[in-house]
């Protein structure tokens, strides 16, 4: 008996954005490595790439993600 079953049918109301096909899908149609989600609504899934860009920008500008060099002083 397998520990993890591959889910081939999605749940109604679960929305994903497929990175390979560049489309929104209800329930997981494509493999997990090729999708973002789940999202609560179709519009949220439609904006998946925009949301990812915004979050990446926030993380890139978050000072907590920029480690200071050893010794505690930042070099410029």
N, C-alpha and C. Protein backbone atom coordinates (compact mmCIF):
# COMPACT_ATOMS: atom_id res chain seq x y z
N UNK A 1 0.84 -1.19 0.00
CA UNK A 1 0.00 0.00 0.00
C UNK A 1 0.88 1.25 0.00
N UNK A 2 0.60 2.16 -0.88
CA UNK A 2 1.38 3.39 -0.98
C UNK A 2 1.03 4.33 0.16
N UNK A 3 2.03 5.03 0.65
CA UNK A 3 1.79 6.00 1.71
C UNK A 3 1.08 7.25 1.20
N UNK A 4 1.42 7.65 0.00
CA UNK A 4 0.82 8.85 -0.58
C UNK A 4 0.18 8.48 -1.91
N UNK A 5 -1.09 8.76 -2.03
CA UNK A 5 -1.77 8.49 -3.28
C UNK A 5 -1.71 9.73 -4.15
N UNK A 6 -1.50 9.52 -5.43
CA UNK A 6 -1.50 10.63 -6.37
C UNK A 6 -2.94 11.06 -6.59
N UNK A 7 -3.19 12.31 -6.32
CA UNK A 7 -4.53 12.83 -6.50
C UNK A 7 -4.69 13.23 -7.95
N UNK A 8 -5.58 12.56 -8.64
CA UNK A 8 -5.78 12.85 -10.06
C UNK A 8 -6.98 13.74 -10.30
N UNK A 9 -7.87 13.84 -9.34
CA UNK A 9 -9.06 14.66 -9.50
C UNK A 9 -9.03 15.75 -8.46
N UNK A 10 -9.24 16.96 -8.89
CA UNK A 10 -9.23 18.08 -7.96
C UNK A 10 -10.55 18.24 -7.25
N UNK A 11 -10.51 19.05 -6.24
CA UNK A 11 -11.72 19.40 -5.50
C UNK A 11 -12.38 20.59 -6.18
N UNK A 12 -13.68 20.59 -6.30
CA UNK A 12 -14.34 21.78 -6.83
C UNK A 12 -14.01 22.99 -5.95
N UNK A 13 -13.72 24.09 -6.58
CA UNK A 13 -13.40 25.30 -5.83
C UNK A 13 -11.93 25.48 -5.55
N UNK A 14 -11.09 24.51 -5.89
CA UNK A 14 -9.63 24.67 -5.79
C UNK A 14 -9.12 25.13 -7.14
N UNK A 15 -8.49 26.27 -7.17
CA UNK A 15 -8.01 26.84 -8.42
C UNK A 15 -6.49 26.87 -8.43
N UNK A 16 -5.91 26.59 -9.58
CA UNK A 16 -4.46 26.55 -9.76
C UNK A 16 -4.10 27.33 -11.01
N UNK A 17 -2.83 27.77 -11.06
CA UNK A 17 -2.30 28.38 -12.27
C UNK A 17 -1.21 27.47 -12.78
N UNK A 18 -1.37 26.94 -13.99
CA UNK A 18 -0.38 26.05 -14.59
C UNK A 18 0.71 26.88 -15.25
N UNK A 19 1.94 26.69 -14.79
CA UNK A 19 3.07 27.45 -15.32
C UNK A 19 3.47 26.97 -16.72
N UNK A 20 3.25 25.71 -17.00
CA UNK A 20 3.63 25.17 -18.32
C UNK A 20 2.66 25.60 -19.40
N UNK A 21 1.36 25.50 -19.12
CA UNK A 21 0.35 25.83 -20.11
C UNK A 21 -0.15 27.28 -20.02
N UNK A 22 0.29 27.98 -18.96
CA UNK A 22 -0.09 29.38 -18.75
C UNK A 22 -1.61 29.55 -18.75
N UNK A 23 -2.26 28.70 -17.93
CA UNK A 23 -3.71 28.76 -17.85
C UNK A 23 -4.18 28.43 -16.44
N UNK A 24 -5.39 28.87 -16.15
CA UNK A 24 -6.03 28.59 -14.87
C UNK A 24 -6.78 27.27 -15.00
N UNK A 25 -6.70 26.46 -13.96
CA UNK A 25 -7.42 25.19 -13.97
C UNK A 25 -8.09 24.96 -12.63
N UNK A 26 -9.25 24.36 -12.67
CA UNK A 26 -9.96 24.02 -11.43
C UNK A 26 -9.56 22.60 -11.06
N UNK A 27 -9.02 22.46 -9.86
CA UNK A 27 -8.50 21.16 -9.45
C UNK A 27 -7.16 20.93 -10.12
N UNK A 28 -6.32 20.10 -9.54
CA UNK A 28 -4.99 19.89 -10.14
C UNK A 28 -5.07 19.02 -11.39
N UNK A 29 -4.86 19.64 -12.54
CA UNK A 29 -4.81 18.89 -13.79
C UNK A 29 -3.36 18.54 -14.13
N UNK A 30 -2.45 19.44 -13.84
CA UNK A 30 -1.04 19.26 -14.17
C UNK A 30 -0.26 18.91 -12.90
N UNK A 31 0.96 18.36 -13.06
CA UNK A 31 1.77 18.01 -11.90
C UNK A 31 2.07 19.21 -11.01
N UNK A 32 2.27 18.96 -9.73
CA UNK A 32 2.54 20.00 -8.75
C UNK A 32 3.73 20.87 -9.09
N UNK A 33 4.73 20.30 -9.74
CA UNK A 33 5.94 21.07 -10.08
C UNK A 33 5.65 22.13 -11.13
N UNK A 34 4.50 22.03 -11.80
CA UNK A 34 4.17 22.95 -12.88
C UNK A 34 3.04 23.92 -12.53
N UNK A 35 2.70 24.05 -11.23
CA UNK A 35 1.57 24.91 -10.93
C UNK A 35 1.75 25.68 -9.62
N UNK A 36 1.04 26.79 -9.53
CA UNK A 36 0.90 27.56 -8.29
C UNK A 36 -0.50 27.29 -7.77
N UNK A 37 -0.65 27.25 -6.46
CA UNK A 37 -1.98 27.11 -5.87
C UNK A 37 -1.99 26.09 -4.76
N UNK A 38 -3.11 25.84 -4.18
CA UNK A 38 -4.43 26.23 -4.64
C UNK A 38 -4.79 27.65 -4.21
N UNK A 39 -5.67 28.24 -4.99
CA UNK A 39 -6.25 29.54 -4.70
C UNK A 39 -7.73 29.36 -4.41
N UNK A 40 -8.30 30.28 -3.68
CA UNK A 40 -9.70 30.18 -3.27
C UNK A 40 -10.67 30.53 -4.40
N UNK A 41 -10.18 31.26 -5.41
CA UNK A 41 -11.08 31.67 -6.48
C UNK A 41 -10.34 31.70 -7.81
N UNK A 42 -11.10 31.68 -8.88
CA UNK A 42 -10.51 31.76 -10.22
C UNK A 42 -9.76 33.09 -10.41
N UNK A 43 -10.34 34.24 -10.00
CA UNK A 43 -9.59 35.50 -10.17
C UNK A 43 -8.23 35.51 -9.45
N UNK A 44 -8.17 34.91 -8.26
CA UNK A 44 -6.88 34.83 -7.56
C UNK A 44 -5.88 34.03 -8.38
N UNK A 45 -6.31 32.92 -8.94
CA UNK A 45 -5.43 32.09 -9.76
C UNK A 45 -5.01 32.82 -11.03
N UNK A 46 -5.92 33.60 -11.61
CA UNK A 46 -5.60 34.37 -12.81
C UNK A 46 -4.49 35.38 -12.56
N UNK A 47 -4.37 35.86 -11.33
CA UNK A 47 -3.35 36.85 -10.98
C UNK A 47 -2.14 36.22 -10.29
N UNK A 48 -1.95 34.91 -10.44
CA UNK A 48 -0.88 34.20 -9.75
C UNK A 48 0.50 34.76 -10.08
N UNK A 49 0.76 35.04 -11.34
CA UNK A 49 2.08 35.53 -11.72
C UNK A 49 2.32 36.94 -11.18
N UNK A 50 1.30 37.76 -11.20
CA UNK A 50 1.41 39.12 -10.64
C UNK A 50 1.67 39.06 -9.14
N UNK A 51 0.96 38.19 -8.45
CA UNK A 51 1.15 38.01 -7.01
C UNK A 51 2.57 37.54 -6.72
N UNK A 52 3.07 36.59 -7.52
CA UNK A 52 4.43 36.09 -7.33
C UNK A 52 5.46 37.20 -7.53
N UNK A 53 5.27 38.03 -8.56
CA UNK A 53 6.20 39.14 -8.81
C UNK A 53 6.21 40.11 -7.63
N UNK A 54 5.02 40.43 -7.12
CA UNK A 54 4.92 41.36 -5.99
C UNK A 54 5.61 40.79 -4.75
N UNK A 55 5.39 39.52 -4.48
CA UNK A 55 6.01 38.89 -3.31
C UNK A 55 7.52 38.81 -3.46
N UNK A 56 8.00 38.49 -4.65
CA UNK A 56 9.44 38.44 -4.88
C UNK A 56 10.08 39.80 -4.64
N UNK A 57 9.42 40.85 -5.11
CA UNK A 57 9.93 42.20 -4.92
C UNK A 57 9.98 42.56 -3.43
N UNK A 58 8.93 42.18 -2.69
CA UNK A 58 8.92 42.43 -1.25
C UNK A 58 10.07 41.70 -0.57
N UNK A 59 10.29 40.44 -0.94
CA UNK A 59 11.36 39.66 -0.31
C UNK A 59 12.73 40.21 -0.68
N UNK A 60 12.90 40.63 -1.92
CA UNK A 60 14.19 41.18 -2.35
C UNK A 60 14.53 42.46 -1.61
N UNK A 61 13.52 43.20 -1.19
CA UNK A 61 13.74 44.48 -0.51
C UNK A 61 13.59 44.38 1.01
N UNK A 62 13.41 43.19 1.52
CA UNK A 62 13.26 42.99 2.97
C UNK A 62 14.65 42.90 3.60
N UNK A 63 15.02 43.82 4.49
CA UNK A 63 16.36 43.81 5.08
C UNK A 63 16.64 42.53 5.89
N UNK A 64 15.62 41.84 6.32
CA UNK A 64 15.86 40.60 7.08
C UNK A 64 16.45 39.50 6.22
N UNK A 65 16.37 39.63 4.89
CA UNK A 65 16.91 38.61 3.99
C UNK A 65 18.33 38.95 3.53
N UNK A 66 18.84 40.08 3.94
CA UNK A 66 20.19 40.48 3.53
C UNK A 66 21.11 40.38 4.74
N UNK A 67 21.86 39.31 4.81
CA UNK A 67 22.75 39.09 5.94
C UNK A 67 23.93 40.04 5.90
N UNK A 68 24.28 40.55 7.06
CA UNK A 68 25.47 41.39 7.17
C UNK A 68 26.70 40.48 7.18
N UNK A 69 27.83 40.91 6.63
CA UNK A 69 29.04 40.09 6.66
C UNK A 69 29.52 39.86 8.09
N UNK A 70 30.35 38.85 8.27
CA UNK A 70 30.90 38.54 9.61
C UNK A 70 31.57 39.78 10.17
N UNK A 71 31.40 40.04 11.42
CA UNK A 71 31.96 41.22 12.06
C UNK A 71 30.90 42.28 12.29
N UNK A 72 29.72 42.09 11.68
CA UNK A 72 28.60 42.97 11.95
C UNK A 72 28.54 44.25 11.15
N UNK A 73 29.54 44.54 10.31
CA UNK A 73 29.51 45.77 9.52
C UNK A 73 29.23 45.44 8.07
N UNK A 74 28.40 46.26 7.47
CA UNK A 74 28.14 46.07 6.04
C UNK A 74 29.21 46.81 5.25
N UNK A 75 29.65 46.19 4.17
CA UNK A 75 30.61 46.83 3.29
C UNK A 75 29.86 47.44 2.12
N UNK A 76 30.32 48.61 1.67
CA UNK A 76 29.66 49.27 0.53
C UNK A 76 30.58 49.35 -0.63
